Structure formats: C-alpha cells, structure tokens
Amino acid sequence: MAAAAVPARAVVSDGINPALRERALAAFAAHRDKLAHADVMGIVDYARASKLPRFHLLDLVSGASETILVAHGKGSDPAHSGWLERFSNRHGSNASSSGAFLTAEAYVGAHGRSMRLDGLEPSNDAARDRAIVVHSASYVTKAHPKQHGKLGRSFGCFTVTAEDLPMVMTRLGAGQLLYSDKV
C-alpha cells in the first residue's frame, strides 16, 4: 500500500491538542514500517477528563477527525476522579499505558467483539501480555458522564461505547497506529 501523506502542520479545527498531534505523527513516522495501513490513526488525549470525548480517529489523507468517548484504567485514576493521573506498563497495575500501539486482530472475548493491541514502545510493550485491547463495556455510554460526571474505568483497556465500537474496529482495523499520551 502506498504511504498516505501525513499532514505537516496541526489542523486547528480537528480538536486535537497540537502538541499531542505532533507526538502522534512523530510516532506514526517512526513506526511506519510496521503499519499495514496509513490512512487513519487513533489518538487518545488522556489530558482530558473521561467525561469528554478524547479518542480521535484522524484521517491522515483529509486531516478530518471524529472524536469519541474512551475510558482509562483504574490504576491510572485510583481515586476515580475522572482524570488520568499516571501511566503504567506493569502487570497487575490496571493502568493505561502511553505511546504507540499497533492495532491487531479482532476476536470475541469477555467483553464481546474486541481488538488486540501490540505495544511498540518500552512504555507499552507489555500490552498484549496484559490483555490491553479495544472493547466496549457498560461503564462507557453517552449517558454515563451525564449521570456520574465521568466514565467508569477499565483495567487499562481502551474501552469505548458499544455504539462506537463497530466504527472504531472498521476505521482503525488491524495494522493501524493507535497513540495515547497526556501532554
């Protein structure tokens, strides 16, 4: 597949923090040889509260993005404030990890249809062994932040709404880059 043109400058209208976008695009360039597809990438902005949409699906050809809700790990927010406080790559931490992930195969597991992830950096290289995946769960709904002021928490997985999961798995299928950080 021919490499997609990566936008050279931040697109202000896409709602992505420009510093985070720059880091994500640098990770995309650094790991391009591992990617089967270069048309869409996921960028998760953990500097935003969980009640806000913060999982961006960035079209690398047009520069357009769509943003959805995503939970972070219990170990990243022990007081359940709705804000990610720390990352971890440690087994049993129940925390979210930062850095670049390669999206991998779809499967059906405890949370239904899900997508495995492979960490590409020392900050997340235990992702597959930790079973850090993309899935949906009842604690991530559009109504949850309205009722509770925040989303529920995962064990470190990228948990999205059941309504958004099919779109995420289609647009960000196997062989794409997913980048998460807090800038």
N, C-alpha and C. Protein backbone atom coordinates (compact mmCIF):
# COMPACT_ATOMS: atom_id res chain seq x y z
N MET A 1 0.85 -1.18 0.00
CA MET A 1 0.00 0.00 0.00
C MET A 1 0.89 1.23 0.00
N ALA A 2 0.56 2.22 -0.77
CA ALA A 2 1.32 3.46 -0.82
C ALA A 2 1.12 4.24 0.47
N ALA A 3 2.19 4.86 0.92
CA ALA A 3 2.11 5.65 2.16
C ALA A 3 1.21 6.86 1.95
N ALA A 4 0.37 7.11 2.92
CA ALA A 4 -0.50 8.28 2.86
C ALA A 4 0.32 9.51 3.21
N ALA A 5 -0.09 10.62 2.67
CA ALA A 5 0.57 11.88 3.01
C ALA A 5 0.20 12.23 4.44
N VAL A 6 1.20 12.46 5.26
CA VAL A 6 0.95 12.84 6.64
C VAL A 6 0.90 14.36 6.70
N PRO A 7 -0.20 14.92 7.23
CA PRO A 7 -0.30 16.37 7.32
C PRO A 7 0.91 16.95 8.05
N ALA A 8 1.52 17.97 7.51
CA ALA A 8 2.74 18.54 8.06
C ALA A 8 2.49 19.49 9.22
N ARG A 9 1.31 20.07 9.30
CA ARG A 9 1.05 21.02 10.38
C ARG A 9 -0.27 20.68 11.05
N ALA A 10 -0.41 21.15 12.27
CA ALA A 10 -1.62 20.87 13.02
C ALA A 10 -2.82 21.52 12.35
N VAL A 11 -3.91 20.79 12.31
CA VAL A 11 -5.16 21.32 11.79
C VAL A 11 -5.98 21.74 13.00
N VAL A 12 -6.08 23.02 13.24
CA VAL A 12 -6.72 23.54 14.45
C VAL A 12 -8.16 23.06 14.57
N SER A 13 -8.87 22.96 13.47
CA SER A 13 -10.28 22.61 13.52
C SER A 13 -10.55 21.16 13.87
N ASP A 14 -9.53 20.30 13.94
CA ASP A 14 -9.80 18.90 14.24
C ASP A 14 -9.96 18.62 15.73
N GLY A 15 -9.71 19.60 16.60
CA GLY A 15 -9.92 19.44 18.03
C GLY A 15 -8.84 18.67 18.75
N ILE A 16 -7.79 18.28 18.08
CA ILE A 16 -6.70 17.54 18.71
C ILE A 16 -5.67 18.53 19.23
N ASN A 17 -5.24 18.34 20.47
CA ASN A 17 -4.19 19.17 21.04
C ASN A 17 -2.99 19.14 20.08
N PRO A 18 -2.53 20.30 19.59
CA PRO A 18 -1.44 20.32 18.60
C PRO A 18 -0.16 19.62 19.06
N ALA A 19 0.20 19.74 20.34
CA ALA A 19 1.41 19.07 20.84
C ALA A 19 1.24 17.55 20.83
N LEU A 20 0.05 17.09 21.20
CA LEU A 20 -0.23 15.66 21.17
C LEU A 20 -0.25 15.15 19.73
N ARG A 21 -0.87 15.92 18.86
CA ARG A 21 -0.94 15.55 17.44
C ARG A 21 0.46 15.41 16.86
N GLU A 22 1.35 16.35 17.22
CA GLU A 22 2.74 16.31 16.73
C GLU A 22 3.45 15.05 17.22
N ARG A 23 3.28 14.71 18.50
CA ARG A 23 3.88 13.49 19.05
C ARG A 23 3.34 12.24 18.35
N ALA A 24 2.03 12.22 18.13
CA ALA A 24 1.41 11.07 17.47
C ALA A 24 1.92 10.92 16.04
N LEU A 25 2.05 12.01 15.33
CA LEU A 25 2.55 11.94 13.95
C LEU A 25 4.02 11.53 13.92
N ALA A 26 4.80 11.94 14.91
CA ALA A 26 6.20 11.51 15.00
C ALA A 26 6.27 10.00 15.26
N ALA A 27 5.39 9.50 16.11
CA ALA A 27 5.33 8.06 16.38
C ALA A 27 4.90 7.31 15.12
N PHE A 28 3.94 7.88 14.40
CA PHE A 28 3.50 7.28 13.14
C PHE A 28 4.68 7.15 12.18
N ALA A 29 5.46 8.21 12.03
CA ALA A 29 6.62 8.19 11.13
C ALA A 29 7.67 7.18 11.61
N ALA A 30 7.90 7.13 12.91
CA ALA A 30 8.90 6.22 13.47
C ALA A 30 8.53 4.75 13.29
N HIS A 31 7.24 4.44 13.30
CA HIS A 31 6.77 3.06 13.22
C HIS A 31 6.12 2.72 11.88
N ARG A 32 6.25 3.59 10.90
CA ARG A 32 5.57 3.42 9.61
C ARG A 32 5.85 2.06 8.98
N ASP A 33 7.07 1.55 9.13
CA ASP A 33 7.42 0.28 8.52
C ASP A 33 6.67 -0.91 9.12
N LYS A 34 6.07 -0.74 10.28
CA LYS A 34 5.31 -1.82 10.93
C LYS A 34 3.82 -1.76 10.59
N LEU A 35 3.38 -0.67 9.95
CA LEU A 35 1.96 -0.45 9.70
C LEU A 35 1.55 -1.00 8.33
N ALA A 36 0.45 -1.72 8.31
CA ALA A 36 -0.09 -2.22 7.05
C ALA A 36 -0.92 -1.16 6.35
N HIS A 37 -1.44 -0.21 7.13
CA HIS A 37 -2.31 0.83 6.59
C HIS A 37 -1.88 2.19 7.12
N ALA A 38 -2.00 3.19 6.28
CA ALA A 38 -1.55 4.54 6.66
C ALA A 38 -2.60 5.59 6.38
N ASP A 39 -3.87 5.21 6.42
CA ASP A 39 -4.92 6.17 6.09
C ASP A 39 -5.59 6.78 7.32
N VAL A 40 -5.63 6.04 8.43
CA VAL A 40 -6.28 6.51 9.66
C VAL A 40 -5.40 6.12 10.84
N MET A 41 -5.38 6.98 11.85
CA MET A 41 -4.73 6.61 13.10
C MET A 41 -5.60 7.07 14.26
N GLY A 42 -5.47 6.39 15.39
CA GLY A 42 -6.18 6.79 16.59
C GLY A 42 -5.24 7.59 17.48
N ILE A 43 -5.76 8.64 18.09
CA ILE A 43 -5.00 9.45 19.05
C ILE A 43 -5.89 9.63 20.28
N VAL A 44 -5.40 9.16 21.44
CA VAL A 44 -6.16 9.29 22.67
C VAL A 44 -5.49 10.35 23.54
N ASP A 45 -6.26 11.37 23.89
CA ASP A 45 -5.77 12.51 24.67
C ASP A 45 -6.16 12.33 26.13
N TYR A 46 -5.28 11.69 26.90
CA TYR A 46 -5.56 11.44 28.30
C TYR A 46 -5.36 12.66 29.19
N ALA A 47 -5.06 13.81 28.62
CA ALA A 47 -5.03 15.06 29.40
C ALA A 47 -6.45 15.58 29.61
N ARG A 48 -7.40 15.06 28.87
CA ARG A 48 -8.80 15.45 29.00
C ARG A 48 -9.51 14.54 30.00
N ALA A 49 -10.53 15.06 30.65
CA ALA A 49 -11.33 14.28 31.59
C ALA A 49 -12.09 13.18 30.86
N SER A 50 -12.36 12.09 31.57
CA SER A 50 -13.03 10.95 30.93
C SER A 50 -14.45 11.28 30.49
N LYS A 51 -15.06 12.31 31.05
CA LYS A 51 -16.43 12.66 30.65
C LYS A 51 -16.47 13.30 29.27
N LEU A 52 -15.30 13.66 28.72
CA LEU A 52 -15.22 14.33 27.43
C LEU A 52 -14.76 13.38 26.33
N PRO A 53 -15.24 13.56 25.12
CA PRO A 53 -14.70 12.77 24.01
C PRO A 53 -13.20 13.08 23.88
N ARG A 54 -12.38 12.02 23.79
CA ARG A 54 -10.93 12.23 23.76
C ARG A 54 -10.20 11.19 22.93
N PHE A 55 -10.93 10.32 22.26
CA PHE A 55 -10.35 9.33 21.36
C PHE A 55 -10.63 9.84 19.94
N HIS A 56 -9.58 10.33 19.30
CA HIS A 56 -9.69 10.91 17.96
C HIS A 56 -9.34 9.87 16.92
N LEU A 57 -10.18 9.75 15.91
CA LEU A 57 -9.86 8.95 14.74
C LEU A 57 -9.51 9.94 13.64
N LEU A 58 -8.21 10.05 13.35
CA LEU A 58 -7.70 11.05 12.43
C LEU A 58 -7.50 10.45 11.05
N ASP A 59 -8.17 11.02 10.06
CA ASP A 59 -7.99 10.64 8.67
C ASP A 59 -6.71 11.33 8.20
N LEU A 60 -5.67 10.55 7.91
CA LEU A 60 -4.38 11.11 7.56
C LEU A 60 -4.33 11.65 6.13
N VAL A 61 -5.34 11.38 5.35
CA VAL A 61 -5.40 11.91 3.99
C VAL A 61 -6.09 13.26 3.97
N SER A 62 -7.27 13.34 4.58
CA SER A 62 -8.03 14.59 4.56
C SER A 62 -7.72 15.51 5.74
N GLY A 63 -7.21 14.94 6.85
CA GLY A 63 -6.97 15.73 8.06
C GLY A 63 -8.20 15.83 8.96
N ALA A 64 -9.33 15.30 8.52
CA ALA A 64 -10.56 15.34 9.32
C ALA A 64 -10.47 14.33 10.46
N SER A 65 -11.18 14.61 11.54
CA SER A 65 -11.20 13.66 12.65
C SER A 65 -12.59 13.53 13.24
N GLU A 66 -12.79 12.40 13.88
CA GLU A 66 -14.02 12.15 14.63
C GLU A 66 -13.57 11.80 16.04
N THR A 67 -14.25 12.31 17.05
CA THR A 67 -13.82 12.12 18.44
C THR A 67 -14.93 11.47 19.25
N ILE A 68 -14.54 10.45 20.03
CA ILE A 68 -15.49 9.65 20.81
C ILE A 68 -15.01 9.51 22.25
N LEU A 69 -15.88 8.98 23.09
CA LEU A 69 -15.55 8.71 24.48
C LEU A 69 -14.65 7.48 24.60
N VAL A 70 -13.76 7.49 25.61
CA VAL A 70 -12.93 6.33 25.91
C VAL A 70 -12.56 6.38 27.40
N ALA A 71 -12.60 5.22 28.04
CA ALA A 71 -12.24 5.11 29.45
C ALA A 71 -10.73 4.93 29.60
N HIS A 72 -10.24 5.22 30.80
CA HIS A 72 -8.86 4.91 31.15
C HIS A 72 -8.88 3.87 32.28
N GLY A 73 -7.70 3.38 32.63
CA GLY A 73 -7.58 2.32 33.62
C GLY A 73 -7.77 2.75 35.06
N LYS A 74 -8.27 1.82 35.87
CA LYS A 74 -8.46 2.06 37.31
C LYS A 74 -7.15 2.44 37.99
N GLY A 75 -6.07 1.80 37.61
CA GLY A 75 -4.77 2.09 38.21
C GLY A 75 -4.22 3.44 37.81
N SER A 76 -4.76 4.03 36.78
CA SER A 76 -4.34 5.37 36.34
C SER A 76 -5.10 6.46 37.07
N ASP A 77 -6.18 6.10 37.74
CA ASP A 77 -7.07 7.05 38.41
C ASP A 77 -7.61 6.38 39.68
N PRO A 78 -6.73 6.12 40.66
CA PRO A 78 -7.16 5.35 41.83
C PRO A 78 -8.28 6.00 42.64
N ALA A 79 -8.37 7.32 42.64
CA ALA A 79 -9.43 8.00 43.40
C ALA A 79 -10.73 8.11 42.60
N HIS A 80 -10.71 7.64 41.37
CA HIS A 80 -11.85 7.71 40.45
C HIS A 80 -12.37 9.15 40.32
N SER A 81 -11.42 10.05 40.01
CA SER A 81 -11.75 11.46 39.82
C SER A 81 -12.24 11.76 38.41
N GLY A 82 -11.99 10.83 37.49
CA GLY A 82 -12.31 11.07 36.09
C GLY A 82 -11.12 11.59 35.30
N TRP A 83 -9.98 11.75 35.97
CA TRP A 83 -8.75 12.26 35.34
C TRP A 83 -7.65 11.21 35.45
N LEU A 84 -6.96 10.95 34.35
CA LEU A 84 -5.83 10.04 34.37
C LEU A 84 -4.68 10.72 35.10
N GLU A 85 -4.14 10.07 36.11
CA GLU A 85 -3.04 10.61 36.90
C GLU A 85 -1.69 10.03 36.52
N ARG A 86 -1.66 8.75 36.14
CA ARG A 86 -0.38 8.10 35.84
C ARG A 86 -0.58 6.94 34.86
N PHE A 87 0.49 6.64 34.16
CA PHE A 87 0.53 5.50 33.24
C PHE A 87 1.34 4.39 33.88
N SER A 88 1.11 3.17 33.43
CA SER A 88 1.95 2.04 33.84
C SER A 88 1.92 0.98 32.75
N ASN A 89 3.01 0.25 32.65
CA ASN A 89 3.12 -0.87 31.73
C ASN A 89 3.28 -2.17 32.54
N ARG A 90 3.10 -2.06 33.83
CA ARG A 90 3.33 -3.17 34.74
C ARG A 90 2.11 -4.09 34.82
N HIS A 91 2.36 -5.40 34.82
CA HIS A 91 1.29 -6.38 35.01
C HIS A 91 0.63 -6.15 36.37
N GLY A 92 -0.69 -6.23 36.40
CA GLY A 92 -1.45 -6.06 37.63
C GLY A 92 -1.69 -4.62 38.03
N SER A 93 -1.19 -3.67 37.27
CA SER A 93 -1.36 -2.25 37.61
C SER A 93 -2.76 -1.75 37.32
N ASN A 94 -3.47 -2.40 36.39
CA ASN A 94 -4.79 -1.96 35.93
C ASN A 94 -4.76 -0.53 35.41
N ALA A 95 -3.61 -0.10 34.93
CA ALA A 95 -3.43 1.27 34.45
C ALA A 95 -3.35 1.31 32.93
N SER A 96 -3.65 2.46 32.40
CA SER A 96 -3.47 2.72 30.98
C SER A 96 -1.98 2.91 30.71
N SER A 97 -1.57 2.61 29.49
CA SER A 97 -0.19 2.81 29.05
C SER A 97 -0.15 3.90 28.00
N SER A 98 0.98 4.56 27.90
CA SER A 98 1.15 5.60 26.89
C SER A 98 1.98 5.08 25.73
N GLY A 99 1.96 5.84 24.64
CA GLY A 99 2.80 5.53 23.50
C GLY A 99 2.05 4.97 22.30
N ALA A 100 2.83 4.43 21.37
CA ALA A 100 2.30 3.91 20.11
C ALA A 100 1.96 2.43 20.22
N PHE A 101 0.79 2.08 19.74
CA PHE A 101 0.32 0.70 19.68
C PHE A 101 0.01 0.35 18.23
N LEU A 102 0.25 -0.89 17.87
CA LEU A 102 -0.16 -1.42 16.58
C LEU A 102 -1.47 -2.15 16.79
N THR A 103 -2.52 -1.77 16.05
CA THR A 103 -3.79 -2.49 16.15
C THR A 103 -3.60 -3.86 15.52
N ALA A 104 -4.22 -4.87 16.13
CA ALA A 104 -4.02 -6.25 15.67
C ALA A 104 -5.37 -6.92 15.42
N GLU A 105 -5.42 -8.21 15.62
CA GLU A 105 -6.58 -8.99 15.22
C GLU A 105 -7.81 -8.73 16.09
N ALA A 106 -8.96 -8.89 15.46
CA ALA A 106 -10.24 -8.83 16.16
C ALA A 106 -10.52 -10.22 16.73
N TYR A 107 -11.27 -10.25 17.83
CA TYR A 107 -11.66 -11.51 18.45
C TYR A 107 -12.91 -11.26 19.29
N VAL A 108 -13.52 -12.32 19.78
CA VAL A 108 -14.66 -12.20 20.67
C VAL A 108 -14.21 -12.73 22.03
N GLY A 109 -14.32 -11.86 23.06
CA GLY A 109 -13.86 -12.23 24.39
C GLY A 109 -14.89 -11.91 25.45
N ALA A 110 -14.44 -11.69 26.66
CA ALA A 110 -15.32 -11.42 27.81
C ALA A 110 -16.19 -10.20 27.59
N HIS A 111 -15.71 -9.23 26.83
CA HIS A 111 -16.49 -8.01 26.55
C HIS A 111 -17.06 -8.01 25.14
N GLY A 112 -17.19 -9.18 24.55
CA GLY A 112 -17.72 -9.26 23.18
C GLY A 112 -16.63 -8.97 22.17
N ARG A 113 -17.03 -8.41 21.06
CA ARG A 113 -16.09 -8.11 19.98
C ARG A 113 -15.02 -7.15 20.49
N SER A 114 -13.75 -7.46 20.23
CA SER A 114 -12.63 -6.69 20.74
C SER A 114 -11.50 -6.71 19.73
N MET A 115 -10.49 -5.87 19.95
CA MET A 115 -9.33 -5.80 19.05
C MET A 115 -8.06 -5.78 19.90
N ARG A 116 -7.17 -6.72 19.61
CA ARG A 116 -5.90 -6.79 20.33
C ARG A 116 -4.98 -5.66 19.90
N LEU A 117 -4.04 -5.34 20.79
CA LEU A 117 -3.05 -4.29 20.54
C LEU A 117 -1.67 -4.81 20.89
N ASP A 118 -0.69 -4.37 20.12
CA ASP A 118 0.71 -4.67 20.41
C ASP A 118 1.40 -3.35 20.70
N GLY A 119 2.01 -3.24 21.88
CA GLY A 119 2.75 -2.04 22.23
C GLY A 119 4.05 -1.98 21.44
N LEU A 120 4.38 -0.80 20.95
CA LEU A 120 5.57 -0.63 20.11
C LEU A 120 6.71 0.08 20.83
N GLU A 121 6.51 0.41 22.09
CA GLU A 121 7.50 1.20 22.82
C GLU A 121 7.70 0.61 24.22
N PRO A 122 8.81 0.93 24.88
CA PRO A 122 9.03 0.42 26.25
C PRO A 122 7.91 0.82 27.21
N SER A 123 7.21 1.91 26.95
CA SER A 123 6.13 2.35 27.83
C SER A 123 4.87 1.51 27.69
N ASN A 124 4.81 0.62 26.68
CA ASN A 124 3.59 -0.17 26.48
C ASN A 124 3.85 -1.55 25.87
N ASP A 125 5.10 -1.99 25.88
CA ASP A 125 5.42 -3.25 25.20
C ASP A 125 4.85 -4.50 25.87
N ALA A 126 4.22 -4.36 27.03
CA ALA A 126 3.56 -5.48 27.69
C ALA A 126 2.07 -5.52 27.38
N ALA A 127 1.61 -4.68 26.45
CA ALA A 127 0.17 -4.57 26.18
C ALA A 127 -0.49 -5.90 25.85
N ARG A 128 0.10 -6.68 24.97
CA ARG A 128 -0.53 -7.95 24.60
C ARG A 128 -0.55 -8.90 25.80
N ASP A 129 0.54 -9.02 26.52
CA ASP A 129 0.58 -9.90 27.69
C ASP A 129 -0.38 -9.43 28.78
N ARG A 130 -0.59 -8.13 28.89
CA ARG A 130 -1.53 -7.56 29.88
C ARG A 130 -2.98 -7.61 29.39
N ALA A 131 -3.20 -8.03 28.15
CA ALA A 131 -4.53 -8.06 27.53
C ALA A 131 -5.13 -6.67 27.44
N ILE A 132 -4.31 -5.69 27.08
CA ILE A 132 -4.79 -4.33 26.83
C ILE A 132 -5.33 -4.31 25.40
N VAL A 133 -6.63 -4.09 25.27
CA VAL A 133 -7.32 -4.20 23.99
C VAL A 133 -8.30 -3.04 23.83
N VAL A 134 -8.95 -3.00 22.69
CA VAL A 134 -10.06 -2.08 22.45
C VAL A 134 -11.34 -2.91 22.57
N HIS A 135 -12.27 -2.45 23.41
CA HIS A 135 -13.55 -3.14 23.57
C HIS A 135 -14.59 -2.15 24.08
N SER A 136 -15.81 -2.59 24.20
CA SER A 136 -16.87 -1.76 24.80
C SER A 136 -17.26 -2.36 26.14
N ALA A 137 -17.95 -1.56 26.95
CA ALA A 137 -18.43 -2.04 28.25
C ALA A 137 -19.55 -1.13 28.73
N SER A 138 -20.33 -1.62 29.67
CA SER A 138 -21.49 -0.89 30.17
C SER A 138 -21.12 0.40 30.90
N TYR A 139 -19.89 0.53 31.37
CA TYR A 139 -19.48 1.74 32.08
C TYR A 139 -19.00 2.85 31.15
N VAL A 140 -19.10 2.61 29.84
CA VAL A 140 -18.79 3.64 28.85
C VAL A 140 -20.01 3.79 27.94
N THR A 141 -20.84 4.76 28.28
CA THR A 141 -22.01 5.11 27.48
C THR A 141 -22.09 6.62 27.41
N LYS A 142 -22.84 7.12 26.47
CA LYS A 142 -23.00 8.58 26.37
C LYS A 142 -23.75 9.13 27.58
N ALA A 143 -24.59 8.32 28.23
CA ALA A 143 -25.36 8.76 29.39
C ALA A 143 -24.53 8.75 30.68
N HIS A 144 -23.51 7.91 30.73
CA HIS A 144 -22.73 7.75 31.96
C HIS A 144 -22.14 9.05 32.49
N PRO A 145 -21.48 9.88 31.67
CA PRO A 145 -20.94 11.15 32.19
C PRO A 145 -22.04 12.11 32.67
N LYS A 146 -23.20 12.07 32.04
CA LYS A 146 -24.30 12.93 32.46
C LYS A 146 -24.81 12.52 33.84
N GLN A 147 -24.81 11.22 34.10
CA GLN A 147 -25.31 10.70 35.38
C GLN A 147 -24.26 10.74 36.49
N HIS A 148 -22.98 10.50 36.13
CA HIS A 148 -21.94 10.32 37.14
C HIS A 148 -20.81 11.36 37.07
N GLY A 149 -20.81 12.20 36.04
CA GLY A 149 -19.76 13.20 35.90
C GLY A 149 -18.46 12.66 35.33
N LYS A 150 -18.43 11.38 35.00
CA LYS A 150 -17.24 10.73 34.46
C LYS A 150 -17.62 9.36 33.95
N LEU A 151 -16.70 8.73 33.22
CA LEU A 151 -16.91 7.36 32.78
C LEU A 151 -16.44 6.41 33.87
N GLY A 152 -16.82 5.15 33.74
CA GLY A 152 -16.24 4.12 34.57
C GLY A 152 -14.80 3.89 34.12
N ARG A 153 -14.12 2.98 34.78
CA ARG A 153 -12.71 2.72 34.47
C ARG A 153 -12.50 1.28 34.04
N SER A 154 -11.53 1.09 33.16
CA SER A 154 -11.17 -0.23 32.66
C SER A 154 -10.01 -0.79 33.49
N PHE A 155 -9.47 -1.91 33.07
CA PHE A 155 -8.25 -2.46 33.66
C PHE A 155 -7.04 -2.05 32.83
N GLY A 156 -7.17 -0.94 32.11
CA GLY A 156 -6.10 -0.43 31.26
C GLY A 156 -6.46 -0.45 29.78
N CYS A 157 -7.59 -1.04 29.44
CA CYS A 157 -8.03 -1.13 28.04
C CYS A 157 -8.59 0.20 27.54
N PHE A 158 -8.62 0.31 26.23
CA PHE A 158 -9.26 1.44 25.55
C PHE A 158 -10.73 1.04 25.38
N THR A 159 -11.56 1.42 26.34
CA THR A 159 -12.95 1.00 26.34
C THR A 159 -13.83 2.12 25.80
N VAL A 160 -14.59 1.81 24.77
CA VAL A 160 -15.45 2.78 24.07
C VAL A 160 -16.90 2.36 24.20
N THR A 161 -17.83 3.19 23.72
CA THR A 161 -19.24 2.83 23.78
C THR A 161 -19.53 1.68 22.81
N ALA A 162 -20.57 0.92 23.13
CA ALA A 162 -20.99 -0.17 22.24
C ALA A 162 -21.38 0.37 20.88
N GLU A 163 -21.94 1.59 20.84
CA GLU A 163 -22.34 2.20 19.57
C GLU A 163 -21.12 2.58 18.73
N ASP A 164 -20.02 2.98 19.37
CA ASP A 164 -18.82 3.42 18.64
C ASP A 164 -17.89 2.28 18.26
N LEU A 165 -17.96 1.15 18.96
CA LEU A 165 -17.02 0.06 18.72
C LEU A 165 -16.98 -0.42 17.27
N PRO A 166 -18.12 -0.66 16.60
CA PRO A 166 -18.04 -1.11 15.21
C PRO A 166 -17.29 -0.12 14.30
N MET A 167 -17.54 1.17 14.51
CA MET A 167 -16.86 2.19 13.71
C MET A 167 -15.36 2.19 13.99
N VAL A 168 -14.98 2.08 15.26
CA VAL A 168 -13.56 2.05 15.62
C VAL A 168 -12.89 0.84 14.99
N MET A 169 -13.52 -0.30 15.10
CA MET A 169 -12.91 -1.52 14.56
C MET A 169 -12.86 -1.53 13.04
N THR A 170 -13.77 -0.83 12.40
CA THR A 170 -13.75 -0.73 10.95
C THR A 170 -12.70 0.28 10.48
N ARG A 171 -12.77 1.49 11.05
CA ARG A 171 -11.85 2.55 10.62
C ARG A 171 -10.43 2.34 11.12
N LEU A 172 -10.28 1.71 12.27
CA LEU A 172 -8.97 1.51 12.87
C LEU A 172 -8.69 0.02 12.99
N GLY A 173 -8.89 -0.68 11.89
CA GLY A 173 -8.70 -2.12 11.88
C GLY A 173 -7.23 -2.51 12.02
N ALA A 174 -6.97 -3.79 11.93
CA ALA A 174 -5.62 -4.33 12.11
C ALA A 174 -4.61 -3.64 11.20
N GLY A 175 -3.45 -3.35 11.78
CA GLY A 175 -2.35 -2.77 11.01
C GLY A 175 -2.28 -1.25 11.03
N GLN A 176 -3.03 -0.62 11.92
CA GLN A 176 -3.03 0.84 12.04
C GLN A 176 -2.30 1.23 13.33
N LEU A 177 -2.07 2.53 13.49
CA LEU A 177 -1.43 3.04 14.70
C LEU A 177 -2.46 3.66 15.63
N LEU A 178 -2.34 3.33 16.91
CA LEU A 178 -3.12 3.97 17.97
C LEU A 178 -2.10 4.58 18.91
N TYR A 179 -2.24 5.86 19.19
CA TYR A 179 -1.28 6.57 20.05
C TYR A 179 -2.00 7.17 21.22
N SER A 180 -1.47 6.98 22.42
CA SER A 180 -2.09 7.58 23.61
C SER A 180 -1.03 8.27 24.45
N ASP A 181 -1.41 9.40 25.02
CA ASP A 181 -0.48 10.16 25.86
C ASP A 181 -1.24 11.24 26.61
N LYS A 182 -0.53 11.94 27.44
CA LYS A 182 -1.05 13.06 28.20
C LYS A 182 -0.03 14.17 28.07
N VAL A 183 -0.40 15.24 27.36
CA VAL A 183 0.53 16.35 27.12
C VAL A 183 0.09 17.55 27.91
